[in-house]
N, C-alpha and C. Protein backbone atom coordinates (compact mmCIF):
# COMPACT_ATOMS: atom_id res chain seq x y z
N MET A 1 -130.76 -194.31 -121.15
CA MET A 1 -132.07 -194.66 -120.73
C MET A 1 -132.28 -193.97 -119.37
N GLY A 2 -131.64 -192.92 -119.20
CA GLY A 2 -132.01 -192.11 -117.97
C GLY A 2 -131.30 -192.57 -116.74
N CYS A 3 -130.13 -193.30 -116.97
CA CYS A 3 -129.52 -193.81 -115.83
C CYS A 3 -129.04 -192.90 -114.86
N ALA A 4 -128.60 -191.79 -115.27
CA ALA A 4 -128.03 -190.70 -114.45
C ALA A 4 -129.05 -190.10 -113.56
N SER A 5 -130.30 -190.24 -113.91
CA SER A 5 -131.30 -189.57 -113.04
C SER A 5 -131.91 -190.58 -112.11
N SER A 6 -131.65 -191.77 -112.28
CA SER A 6 -132.26 -192.80 -111.32
C SER A 6 -131.57 -192.69 -109.91
N LEU A 7 -132.14 -193.10 -108.87
CA LEU A 7 -131.71 -193.08 -107.52
C LEU A 7 -130.53 -193.88 -107.37
N ALA A 8 -130.64 -195.15 -108.01
CA ALA A 8 -129.47 -196.05 -107.86
C ALA A 8 -128.21 -195.45 -108.51
N THR A 9 -128.44 -194.74 -109.58
CA THR A 9 -127.17 -194.20 -110.22
C THR A 9 -126.68 -192.97 -109.40
N GLN A 10 -127.58 -192.15 -108.88
CA GLN A 10 -127.06 -191.14 -108.03
C GLN A 10 -126.26 -191.71 -106.87
N THR A 11 -126.83 -192.66 -106.34
CA THR A 11 -126.03 -193.40 -105.15
C THR A 11 -124.61 -193.86 -105.55
N LYS A 12 -124.63 -194.37 -106.81
CA LYS A 12 -123.36 -194.86 -107.38
C LYS A 12 -122.40 -193.57 -107.56
N LEU A 13 -122.95 -192.57 -108.06
CA LEU A 13 -122.15 -191.35 -108.34
C LEU A 13 -121.58 -190.88 -106.97
N LEU A 14 -122.31 -190.96 -105.98
CA LEU A 14 -121.90 -190.39 -104.62
C LEU A 14 -120.74 -191.34 -104.20
N LYS A 15 -120.81 -192.57 -104.48
CA LYS A 15 -119.80 -193.60 -104.11
C LYS A 15 -118.66 -193.51 -105.00
N GLY A 16 -118.68 -192.73 -106.14
CA GLY A 16 -117.52 -192.64 -106.88
C GLY A 16 -117.46 -193.62 -108.12
N HIS A 17 -118.50 -194.13 -108.46
CA HIS A 17 -118.51 -195.22 -109.64
C HIS A 17 -119.05 -194.40 -110.83
N LEU A 18 -118.34 -194.63 -111.90
CA LEU A 18 -118.74 -194.18 -113.19
C LEU A 18 -119.83 -195.13 -113.76
N PRO A 19 -121.03 -194.73 -114.01
CA PRO A 19 -122.09 -195.69 -114.75
C PRO A 19 -121.72 -195.77 -116.05
N THR A 20 -122.44 -196.83 -116.59
CA THR A 20 -122.12 -197.28 -117.99
C THR A 20 -122.49 -196.10 -119.06
N CYS A 21 -123.43 -195.29 -118.60
CA CYS A 21 -123.72 -194.07 -119.63
C CYS A 21 -123.01 -192.90 -119.03
N GLU A 22 -121.58 -192.86 -119.25
CA GLU A 22 -120.91 -191.89 -118.50
C GLU A 22 -121.19 -190.53 -119.14
N THR A 23 -121.68 -190.40 -120.40
CA THR A 23 -122.01 -189.19 -120.98
C THR A 23 -123.09 -188.42 -120.23
N GLN A 24 -124.05 -189.11 -119.73
CA GLN A 24 -125.08 -188.51 -118.92
C GLN A 24 -124.47 -188.10 -117.65
N TYR A 25 -123.63 -188.80 -117.04
CA TYR A 25 -122.91 -188.65 -115.78
C TYR A 25 -122.13 -187.33 -115.99
N LEU A 26 -121.49 -187.15 -116.92
CA LEU A 26 -120.59 -185.99 -117.18
C LEU A 26 -121.49 -184.77 -117.32
N THR A 27 -122.78 -184.75 -117.83
CA THR A 27 -123.63 -183.62 -117.95
C THR A 27 -124.33 -183.27 -116.55
N LYS A 28 -124.34 -184.16 -115.73
CA LYS A 28 -125.07 -184.01 -114.43
C LYS A 28 -124.24 -183.56 -113.18
N VAL A 29 -123.02 -184.04 -113.27
CA VAL A 29 -122.14 -183.89 -112.05
C VAL A 29 -121.37 -182.57 -112.20
N ASP A 30 -121.78 -181.47 -111.75
CA ASP A 30 -121.10 -180.20 -111.95
C ASP A 30 -120.45 -179.91 -110.58
N GLN A 31 -120.88 -180.36 -109.43
CA GLN A 31 -120.43 -179.94 -108.15
C GLN A 31 -119.51 -180.98 -107.67
N LEU A 32 -118.45 -180.59 -107.00
CA LEU A 32 -117.45 -181.46 -106.35
C LEU A 32 -118.26 -182.37 -105.33
N PRO A 33 -118.28 -183.68 -105.49
CA PRO A 33 -119.16 -184.55 -104.63
C PRO A 33 -118.51 -184.87 -103.34
N LEU A 34 -117.94 -183.82 -102.57
CA LEU A 34 -117.17 -184.10 -101.33
C LEU A 34 -117.85 -183.44 -100.18
N THR A 35 -117.88 -184.03 -98.97
CA THR A 35 -118.35 -183.35 -97.82
C THR A 35 -117.15 -182.70 -97.27
N GLU A 36 -117.31 -181.75 -96.33
CA GLU A 36 -116.19 -181.09 -95.62
C GLU A 36 -115.35 -182.10 -94.91
N THR A 37 -115.89 -183.06 -94.43
CA THR A 37 -115.00 -184.03 -93.72
C THR A 37 -114.05 -184.79 -94.89
N GLN A 38 -114.69 -185.07 -95.97
CA GLN A 38 -113.95 -185.65 -96.98
C GLN A 38 -112.84 -184.67 -97.51
N LYS A 39 -113.03 -183.47 -97.68
CA LYS A 39 -112.11 -182.51 -98.00
C LYS A 39 -110.96 -182.42 -96.96
N TYR A 40 -111.27 -182.60 -95.70
CA TYR A 40 -110.36 -182.57 -94.73
C TYR A 40 -109.44 -183.85 -94.77
N TYR A 41 -110.03 -185.03 -94.97
CA TYR A 41 -109.22 -186.23 -95.16
C TYR A 41 -108.26 -186.12 -96.31
N ILE A 42 -108.74 -185.49 -97.37
CA ILE A 42 -107.75 -185.45 -98.61
C ILE A 42 -106.63 -184.27 -98.34
N LYS A 43 -106.97 -183.25 -97.67
CA LYS A 43 -105.93 -182.29 -97.39
C LYS A 43 -104.98 -182.89 -96.37
N GLN A 44 -105.52 -183.52 -95.37
CA GLN A 44 -104.51 -184.18 -94.34
C GLN A 44 -103.58 -185.11 -95.06
N SER A 45 -104.15 -186.01 -95.68
CA SER A 45 -103.47 -187.05 -96.29
C SER A 45 -102.37 -186.54 -97.35
N TRP A 46 -102.80 -185.54 -98.06
CA TRP A 46 -101.84 -184.95 -99.03
C TRP A 46 -100.70 -184.20 -98.44
N MET A 47 -100.83 -183.77 -97.15
CA MET A 47 -99.65 -183.22 -96.37
C MET A 47 -98.69 -184.27 -96.07
N GLY A 48 -99.07 -185.58 -96.13
CA GLY A 48 -98.05 -186.64 -95.93
C GLY A 48 -97.54 -187.26 -97.22
N LEU A 49 -98.19 -186.77 -98.31
CA LEU A 49 -97.70 -187.19 -99.66
C LEU A 49 -96.81 -186.26 -100.50
N GLU A 50 -97.27 -185.01 -100.24
CA GLU A 50 -96.73 -183.88 -101.14
C GLU A 50 -95.40 -183.75 -101.25
N SER A 51 -94.60 -183.94 -100.18
CA SER A 51 -93.12 -183.84 -100.18
C SER A 51 -92.55 -184.82 -101.09
N ASN A 52 -93.17 -185.98 -101.38
CA ASN A 52 -92.61 -187.00 -102.15
C ASN A 52 -93.33 -187.11 -103.60
N LYS A 53 -94.00 -185.95 -103.96
CA LYS A 53 -94.93 -186.09 -105.09
C LYS A 53 -94.14 -186.42 -106.51
N GLY A 54 -92.84 -185.97 -106.61
CA GLY A 54 -92.13 -186.40 -107.76
C GLY A 54 -91.89 -187.94 -107.83
N GLU A 55 -91.52 -188.47 -106.81
CA GLU A 55 -91.30 -189.87 -106.72
C GLU A 55 -92.63 -190.64 -106.85
N LEU A 56 -93.68 -190.12 -106.23
CA LEU A 56 -95.09 -190.73 -106.35
C LEU A 56 -95.51 -190.80 -107.73
N GLY A 57 -95.27 -189.65 -108.53
CA GLY A 57 -95.68 -189.65 -109.87
C GLY A 57 -95.08 -190.68 -110.71
N ILE A 58 -93.68 -191.01 -110.53
CA ILE A 58 -92.95 -191.87 -111.15
C ILE A 58 -93.53 -193.36 -110.77
N GLU A 59 -93.74 -193.51 -109.43
CA GLU A 59 -94.28 -194.76 -109.04
C GLU A 59 -95.65 -195.06 -109.70
N ILE A 60 -96.49 -194.09 -109.84
CA ILE A 60 -97.86 -194.30 -110.29
C ILE A 60 -97.64 -194.70 -111.79
N PHE A 61 -96.86 -194.13 -112.56
CA PHE A 61 -96.85 -194.43 -114.05
C PHE A 61 -96.04 -195.79 -114.25
N LEU A 62 -95.06 -196.08 -113.32
CA LEU A 62 -94.45 -197.32 -113.49
C LEU A 62 -95.37 -198.43 -113.07
N ARG A 63 -96.28 -198.28 -112.12
CA ARG A 63 -97.35 -199.25 -111.66
C ARG A 63 -98.32 -199.34 -112.91
N LEU A 64 -98.70 -198.22 -113.36
CA LEU A 64 -99.77 -198.33 -114.50
C LEU A 64 -99.22 -199.11 -115.71
N PHE A 65 -97.96 -198.79 -116.07
CA PHE A 65 -97.30 -199.59 -117.29
C PHE A 65 -96.98 -201.02 -116.92
N SER A 66 -96.63 -201.35 -115.74
CA SER A 66 -96.33 -202.73 -115.40
C SER A 66 -97.70 -203.46 -115.42
N GLU A 67 -98.74 -202.93 -114.97
CA GLU A 67 -99.99 -203.57 -115.09
C GLU A 67 -100.64 -203.67 -116.35
N ASN A 68 -100.27 -202.66 -117.21
CA ASN A 68 -100.81 -202.59 -118.54
C ASN A 68 -99.94 -202.11 -119.53
N PRO A 69 -98.89 -202.77 -120.10
CA PRO A 69 -97.82 -202.34 -120.95
C PRO A 69 -98.25 -201.71 -122.17
N THR A 70 -99.48 -202.03 -122.68
CA THR A 70 -99.98 -201.29 -123.85
C THR A 70 -100.17 -199.75 -123.72
N LEU A 71 -100.46 -199.43 -122.43
CA LEU A 71 -100.75 -198.00 -122.22
C LEU A 71 -99.39 -197.18 -122.42
N GLN A 72 -98.28 -197.78 -122.19
CA GLN A 72 -97.01 -197.09 -122.30
C GLN A 72 -96.94 -196.72 -123.86
N LEU A 73 -97.39 -197.50 -124.69
CA LEU A 73 -97.37 -197.23 -126.19
C LEU A 73 -98.22 -196.15 -126.67
N MET A 74 -99.17 -195.84 -125.89
CA MET A 74 -100.17 -194.69 -126.14
C MET A 74 -99.36 -193.28 -126.08
N PHE A 75 -98.22 -193.32 -125.34
CA PHE A 75 -97.54 -192.02 -125.12
C PHE A 75 -96.38 -191.97 -126.00
N PRO A 76 -96.36 -191.25 -127.09
CA PRO A 76 -95.37 -191.16 -128.05
C PRO A 76 -93.92 -191.02 -127.42
N GLU A 77 -93.93 -190.14 -126.40
CA GLU A 77 -92.60 -189.96 -125.74
C GLU A 77 -92.08 -191.12 -124.92
N PHE A 78 -92.89 -192.10 -124.74
CA PHE A 78 -92.34 -193.28 -123.82
C PHE A 78 -92.19 -194.53 -124.67
N ARG A 79 -92.51 -194.46 -126.01
CA ARG A 79 -92.45 -195.66 -126.80
C ARG A 79 -90.99 -196.30 -127.03
N GLU A 80 -90.03 -195.25 -126.98
CA GLU A 80 -88.64 -195.68 -127.22
C GLU A 80 -87.98 -196.61 -126.14
N TYR A 81 -88.62 -196.57 -124.95
CA TYR A 81 -88.08 -197.22 -123.91
C TYR A 81 -88.51 -198.69 -123.75
N SER A 82 -87.63 -199.50 -123.87
CA SER A 82 -88.02 -200.96 -123.85
C SER A 82 -88.18 -201.62 -122.36
N THR A 83 -87.63 -200.99 -121.47
CA THR A 83 -87.79 -201.44 -120.18
C THR A 83 -88.30 -200.33 -119.19
N LEU A 84 -88.95 -200.68 -118.20
CA LEU A 84 -89.36 -199.79 -117.13
C LEU A 84 -88.29 -199.01 -116.46
N GLU A 85 -87.22 -199.60 -116.24
CA GLU A 85 -86.03 -199.10 -115.67
C GLU A 85 -85.44 -198.06 -116.46
N GLU A 86 -85.42 -198.22 -117.70
CA GLU A 86 -85.02 -197.18 -118.73
C GLU A 86 -85.98 -195.99 -118.74
N LEU A 87 -87.24 -196.33 -118.71
CA LEU A 87 -88.36 -195.11 -118.71
C LEU A 87 -88.15 -194.46 -117.36
N LYS A 88 -87.94 -195.18 -116.24
CA LYS A 88 -87.91 -194.57 -115.00
C LYS A 88 -86.88 -193.37 -114.81
N GLU A 89 -85.81 -193.55 -115.63
CA GLU A 89 -84.65 -192.70 -115.61
C GLU A 89 -84.84 -191.49 -116.68
N SER A 90 -85.88 -191.62 -117.53
CA SER A 90 -85.97 -190.65 -118.61
C SER A 90 -86.56 -189.30 -118.14
N ARG A 91 -86.13 -188.27 -118.86
CA ARG A 91 -86.67 -186.95 -118.60
C ARG A 91 -88.13 -186.88 -119.07
N SER A 92 -88.45 -187.62 -120.05
CA SER A 92 -89.84 -187.55 -120.50
C SER A 92 -90.90 -188.04 -119.41
N LEU A 93 -90.60 -189.11 -118.73
CA LEU A 93 -91.46 -189.59 -117.64
C LEU A 93 -91.39 -188.64 -116.60
N GLN A 94 -90.28 -188.18 -116.20
CA GLN A 94 -90.03 -187.28 -115.00
C GLN A 94 -90.90 -185.94 -115.43
N GLY A 95 -90.98 -185.39 -116.55
CA GLY A 95 -91.65 -184.24 -116.94
C GLY A 95 -93.13 -184.52 -116.89
N HIS A 96 -93.52 -185.60 -117.51
CA HIS A 96 -94.88 -185.87 -117.50
C HIS A 96 -95.60 -186.13 -116.11
N THR A 97 -94.81 -186.83 -115.22
CA THR A 97 -95.34 -187.26 -113.97
C THR A 97 -95.43 -185.92 -113.16
N LYS A 98 -94.41 -185.01 -113.40
CA LYS A 98 -94.54 -183.73 -112.64
C LYS A 98 -95.74 -183.06 -112.99
N ARG A 99 -96.21 -183.02 -114.31
CA ARG A 99 -97.44 -182.29 -114.66
C ARG A 99 -98.60 -183.10 -114.10
N VAL A 100 -98.68 -184.34 -114.06
CA VAL A 100 -99.81 -185.10 -113.61
C VAL A 100 -99.95 -184.74 -112.11
N MET A 101 -98.86 -184.69 -111.38
CA MET A 101 -98.87 -184.60 -109.97
C MET A 101 -99.26 -183.13 -109.80
N LYS A 102 -99.03 -182.15 -110.60
CA LYS A 102 -99.44 -180.80 -110.41
C LYS A 102 -100.89 -180.71 -110.50
N VAL A 103 -101.52 -181.63 -111.45
CA VAL A 103 -103.03 -181.64 -111.49
C VAL A 103 -103.62 -182.10 -110.24
N VAL A 104 -103.00 -183.05 -109.54
CA VAL A 104 -103.52 -183.63 -108.22
C VAL A 104 -103.36 -182.60 -107.31
N GLU A 105 -102.19 -181.85 -107.09
CA GLU A 105 -102.01 -180.86 -106.22
C GLU A 105 -102.96 -179.59 -106.47
N ASN A 106 -103.16 -179.29 -107.67
CA ASN A 106 -104.15 -178.26 -108.02
C ASN A 106 -105.52 -178.66 -107.61
N ALA A 107 -105.95 -179.84 -107.74
CA ALA A 107 -107.10 -180.41 -107.31
C ALA A 107 -107.27 -180.26 -105.75
N VAL A 108 -106.32 -180.65 -105.01
CA VAL A 108 -106.35 -180.55 -103.53
C VAL A 108 -106.43 -179.06 -103.09
N ASN A 109 -105.74 -178.28 -103.81
CA ASN A 109 -105.66 -176.87 -103.37
C ASN A 109 -106.93 -176.18 -103.80
N SER A 110 -107.72 -176.62 -104.75
CA SER A 110 -108.92 -176.09 -105.05
C SER A 110 -110.27 -176.68 -104.57
N LEU A 111 -110.07 -177.45 -103.55
CA LEU A 111 -111.25 -178.14 -102.99
C LEU A 111 -112.29 -177.15 -102.43
N GLU A 112 -112.02 -176.02 -102.17
CA GLU A 112 -112.83 -174.92 -101.67
C GLU A 112 -113.46 -174.19 -102.79
N ASP A 113 -112.95 -174.28 -103.98
CA ASP A 113 -113.43 -173.58 -105.11
C ASP A 113 -113.83 -174.53 -106.24
N GLY A 114 -114.88 -175.27 -106.10
CA GLY A 114 -115.32 -176.30 -107.05
C GLY A 114 -115.39 -175.95 -108.50
N HIS A 115 -115.91 -174.56 -108.66
CA HIS A 115 -116.09 -173.98 -109.94
C HIS A 115 -114.82 -173.86 -110.67
N ALA A 116 -113.86 -173.36 -110.01
CA ALA A 116 -112.50 -173.09 -110.57
C ALA A 116 -111.88 -174.45 -110.92
N LEU A 117 -112.11 -175.39 -109.99
CA LEU A 117 -111.48 -176.75 -110.31
C LEU A 117 -112.06 -177.38 -111.51
N MET A 118 -113.52 -177.25 -111.58
CA MET A 118 -114.15 -177.81 -112.86
C MET A 118 -113.62 -177.17 -114.05
N GLU A 119 -113.57 -175.82 -114.04
CA GLU A 119 -113.05 -175.15 -115.38
C GLU A 119 -111.59 -175.57 -115.65
N TYR A 120 -110.79 -175.67 -114.63
CA TYR A 120 -109.30 -176.03 -114.92
C TYR A 120 -109.29 -177.39 -115.39
N LEU A 121 -110.09 -178.32 -114.88
CA LEU A 121 -109.99 -179.74 -115.34
C LEU A 121 -110.58 -179.74 -116.78
N GLN A 122 -111.65 -179.21 -117.04
CA GLN A 122 -112.08 -179.26 -118.42
C GLN A 122 -111.33 -178.63 -119.42
N GLU A 123 -110.55 -177.49 -119.02
CA GLU A 123 -109.55 -176.92 -120.02
C GLU A 123 -108.44 -177.87 -120.16
N LEU A 124 -108.00 -178.64 -119.28
CA LEU A 124 -107.11 -179.68 -119.37
C LEU A 124 -107.47 -180.71 -120.41
N GLY A 125 -108.72 -181.20 -120.35
CA GLY A 125 -109.28 -182.21 -121.16
C GLY A 125 -109.22 -181.46 -122.62
N ARG A 126 -109.63 -180.28 -122.80
CA ARG A 126 -109.76 -179.57 -124.06
C ARG A 126 -108.33 -179.59 -124.72
N ARG A 127 -107.35 -179.25 -123.95
CA ARG A 127 -105.95 -179.13 -124.31
C ARG A 127 -105.39 -180.58 -124.91
N HIS A 128 -105.92 -181.67 -124.28
CA HIS A 128 -105.54 -182.94 -124.65
C HIS A 128 -106.13 -183.30 -126.07
N LYS A 129 -107.13 -182.64 -126.42
CA LYS A 129 -107.78 -182.99 -127.77
C LYS A 129 -106.75 -182.61 -128.90
N THR A 130 -105.86 -181.76 -128.70
CA THR A 130 -104.91 -181.37 -129.68
C THR A 130 -103.54 -182.18 -129.74
N ARG A 131 -103.56 -183.07 -128.69
CA ARG A 131 -102.30 -183.96 -128.62
C ARG A 131 -102.49 -185.28 -129.23
N GLN A 132 -101.36 -185.92 -129.47
CA GLN A 132 -101.50 -187.27 -130.04
C GLN A 132 -102.17 -188.24 -129.14
N ILE A 133 -102.06 -188.04 -127.87
CA ILE A 133 -102.84 -189.02 -127.02
C ILE A 133 -104.14 -188.40 -126.52
N LYS A 134 -105.14 -189.12 -126.52
CA LYS A 134 -106.50 -188.75 -126.12
C LYS A 134 -106.95 -189.88 -125.21
N PRO A 135 -106.83 -189.69 -123.84
CA PRO A 135 -107.25 -190.79 -122.92
C PRO A 135 -108.67 -191.12 -123.08
N THR A 136 -109.08 -192.36 -122.88
CA THR A 136 -110.35 -192.80 -122.83
C THR A 136 -110.83 -192.89 -121.24
N VAL A 137 -112.14 -193.07 -121.19
CA VAL A 137 -112.70 -193.28 -119.75
C VAL A 137 -111.81 -194.41 -119.19
N SER A 138 -111.67 -195.42 -119.76
CA SER A 138 -110.96 -196.69 -119.23
C SER A 138 -109.67 -196.28 -118.83
N ASN A 139 -108.81 -195.58 -119.65
CA ASN A 139 -107.61 -195.17 -119.42
C ASN A 139 -107.41 -194.24 -118.08
N LEU A 140 -108.37 -193.30 -118.05
CA LEU A 140 -108.34 -192.44 -116.85
C LEU A 140 -108.72 -193.18 -115.53
N GLN A 141 -109.60 -194.20 -115.69
CA GLN A 141 -109.92 -195.01 -114.53
C GLN A 141 -108.75 -195.71 -114.06
N GLU A 142 -107.88 -196.28 -115.07
CA GLU A 142 -106.73 -196.90 -114.64
C GLU A 142 -105.72 -196.11 -114.00
N ILE A 143 -105.59 -194.91 -114.49
CA ILE A 143 -104.69 -193.96 -113.83
C ILE A 143 -105.25 -193.56 -112.43
N SER A 144 -106.50 -193.31 -112.36
CA SER A 144 -107.11 -192.98 -110.97
C SER A 144 -106.70 -194.23 -110.03
N GLN A 145 -106.95 -195.42 -110.53
CA GLN A 145 -106.71 -196.57 -109.54
C GLN A 145 -105.16 -196.62 -109.17
N ALA A 146 -104.30 -196.38 -110.13
CA ALA A 146 -102.92 -196.29 -109.87
C ALA A 146 -102.57 -195.32 -108.81
N ILE A 147 -103.19 -194.13 -109.02
CA ILE A 147 -102.83 -193.09 -108.01
C ILE A 147 -103.29 -193.46 -106.59
N ASN A 148 -104.57 -193.93 -106.55
CA ASN A 148 -105.05 -194.53 -105.20
C ASN A 148 -104.25 -195.59 -104.61
N GLU A 149 -103.80 -196.56 -105.43
CA GLU A 149 -102.99 -197.70 -104.96
C GLU A 149 -101.57 -197.13 -104.49
N THR A 150 -101.03 -196.26 -105.17
CA THR A 150 -99.69 -195.64 -104.86
C THR A 150 -99.70 -194.89 -103.55
N PHE A 151 -100.94 -194.03 -103.42
CA PHE A 151 -101.02 -193.20 -102.27
C PHE A 151 -101.17 -194.22 -101.03
N GLU A 152 -102.01 -195.22 -101.25
CA GLU A 152 -102.22 -196.16 -100.09
C GLU A 152 -100.89 -196.78 -99.75
N GLU A 153 -100.10 -197.16 -100.68
CA GLU A 153 -98.92 -197.89 -100.35
C GLU A 153 -97.95 -196.98 -99.61
N ASN A 154 -97.98 -195.64 -100.04
CA ASN A 154 -96.95 -194.70 -99.39
C ASN A 154 -97.58 -194.21 -98.12
N LEU A 155 -98.78 -194.21 -97.80
CA LEU A 155 -99.33 -193.68 -96.39
C LEU A 155 -99.38 -194.83 -95.49
N GLY A 156 -99.38 -196.21 -95.93
CA GLY A 156 -99.36 -197.24 -95.07
C GLY A 156 -100.52 -197.27 -94.05
N ILE A 157 -100.24 -197.34 -92.87
CA ILE A 157 -101.24 -197.50 -91.77
C ILE A 157 -102.08 -196.15 -91.71
N LYS A 158 -101.62 -195.08 -92.12
CA LYS A 158 -102.37 -193.88 -91.97
C LYS A 158 -103.47 -193.90 -93.15
N TRP A 159 -103.43 -194.72 -94.09
CA TRP A 159 -104.47 -194.85 -95.18
C TRP A 159 -105.71 -195.52 -94.54
N THR A 160 -106.89 -194.97 -94.51
CA THR A 160 -108.02 -195.38 -93.76
C THR A 160 -109.05 -195.63 -94.90
N VAL A 161 -110.08 -196.29 -94.62
CA VAL A 161 -111.21 -196.53 -95.57
C VAL A 161 -111.82 -195.22 -95.90
N GLU A 162 -111.95 -194.26 -94.97
CA GLU A 162 -112.50 -192.83 -95.19
C GLU A 162 -111.65 -192.01 -96.14
N ILE A 163 -110.29 -192.14 -95.95
CA ILE A 163 -109.35 -191.47 -96.82
C ILE A 163 -109.43 -192.06 -98.27
N ALA A 164 -109.48 -193.46 -98.41
CA ALA A 164 -109.56 -194.11 -99.68
C ALA A 164 -110.91 -193.59 -100.32
N GLU A 165 -112.07 -193.49 -99.68
CA GLU A 165 -113.27 -193.14 -100.30
C GLU A 165 -113.22 -191.72 -100.77
N SER A 166 -112.57 -190.90 -99.98
CA SER A 166 -112.48 -189.50 -100.30
C SER A 166 -111.62 -189.31 -101.49
N TRP A 167 -110.45 -189.98 -101.59
CA TRP A 167 -109.60 -189.80 -102.73
C TRP A 167 -110.34 -190.38 -104.05
N LYS A 168 -111.12 -191.47 -103.86
CA LYS A 168 -111.76 -192.02 -104.94
C LYS A 168 -112.75 -191.05 -105.52
N LEU A 169 -113.49 -190.48 -104.65
CA LEU A 169 -114.53 -189.53 -105.09
C LEU A 169 -113.85 -188.26 -105.85
N LEU A 170 -112.76 -187.85 -105.36
CA LEU A 170 -112.06 -186.69 -105.96
C LEU A 170 -111.48 -187.04 -107.29
N LEU A 171 -110.85 -188.21 -107.27
CA LEU A 171 -110.19 -188.57 -108.55
C LEU A 171 -111.19 -188.99 -109.63
N ASP A 172 -112.36 -189.59 -109.20
CA ASP A 172 -113.39 -189.71 -110.27
C ASP A 172 -113.94 -188.49 -110.81
N TYR A 173 -114.11 -187.58 -109.96
CA TYR A 173 -114.55 -186.09 -110.33
C TYR A 173 -113.49 -185.55 -111.33
N VAL A 174 -112.15 -185.65 -110.87
CA VAL A 174 -111.12 -185.14 -111.81
C VAL A 174 -111.28 -185.71 -113.09
N MET A 175 -111.35 -187.09 -113.30
CA MET A 175 -111.28 -187.82 -114.58
C MET A 175 -112.57 -187.43 -115.28
N ALA A 176 -113.74 -187.16 -114.64
CA ALA A 176 -115.00 -187.03 -115.29
C ALA A 176 -114.85 -185.54 -116.00
N MET A 177 -114.28 -184.72 -115.26
CA MET A 177 -114.27 -183.35 -115.83
C MET A 177 -113.16 -183.19 -116.93
N ILE A 178 -112.12 -184.01 -116.86
CA ILE A 178 -111.14 -184.12 -117.91
C ILE A 178 -111.81 -184.68 -119.25
N ILE A 179 -112.61 -185.77 -118.99
CA ILE A 179 -113.33 -186.28 -120.13
C ILE A 179 -114.33 -185.37 -120.73
N ARG A 180 -115.02 -184.74 -119.88
CA ARG A 180 -116.04 -183.60 -120.36
C ARG A 180 -115.24 -182.51 -121.28
N GLY A 181 -114.00 -182.26 -120.84
CA GLY A 181 -113.34 -181.41 -121.75
C GLY A 181 -112.98 -181.97 -122.93
N LEU A 182 -112.41 -183.12 -122.99
CA LEU A 182 -112.06 -183.95 -124.08
C LEU A 182 -113.38 -184.03 -125.15
N ARG A 183 -114.50 -184.13 -124.59
CA ARG A 183 -115.56 -184.28 -125.50
C ARG A 183 -116.23 -182.97 -125.85
N SER A 184 -115.79 -181.95 -125.40
CA SER A 184 -116.39 -180.54 -125.62
C SER A 184 -116.27 -180.25 -127.08
N PRO A 185 -116.97 -179.50 -127.61
CA PRO A 185 -116.88 -179.06 -129.11
C PRO A 185 -115.71 -178.01 -129.22
């Protein structure tokens, strides 16, 4: 009903919220919704996280699966593990989290080239169409939240409201572009 064109929804988009009619959102938001200052916050905070990205990726997915155990069952390669401790030691989790953290790293490194980032993320979504797992908007929002919470926990007092808002905007954009790729013909 035109929600993506209303002023209220545009305000929500800028604050990083996915409106209920996310399909309209996905067709309207083509530009990276970050200011130069927000890009700076992301780059600076990433410098404090990047050296631990492997461990962070594992923490993100363990957090995700401990908060929502049914999500683990969506991943065929994780179904055989009955405990999070077993999963934590698995090569499957380590490989998957390495790929997810590479997406985060690529997003940070592409902040100055929004078009290239958009193309990369949409292609990532298209590639997921051929896999057994097809994430939903809700799944991707849960992953985004787990990433933010894990980053906050790891940065501690260096994590500010401004950094949190900047990462939320970036991750919402990342997830929206992946969804756009998933839904593409």
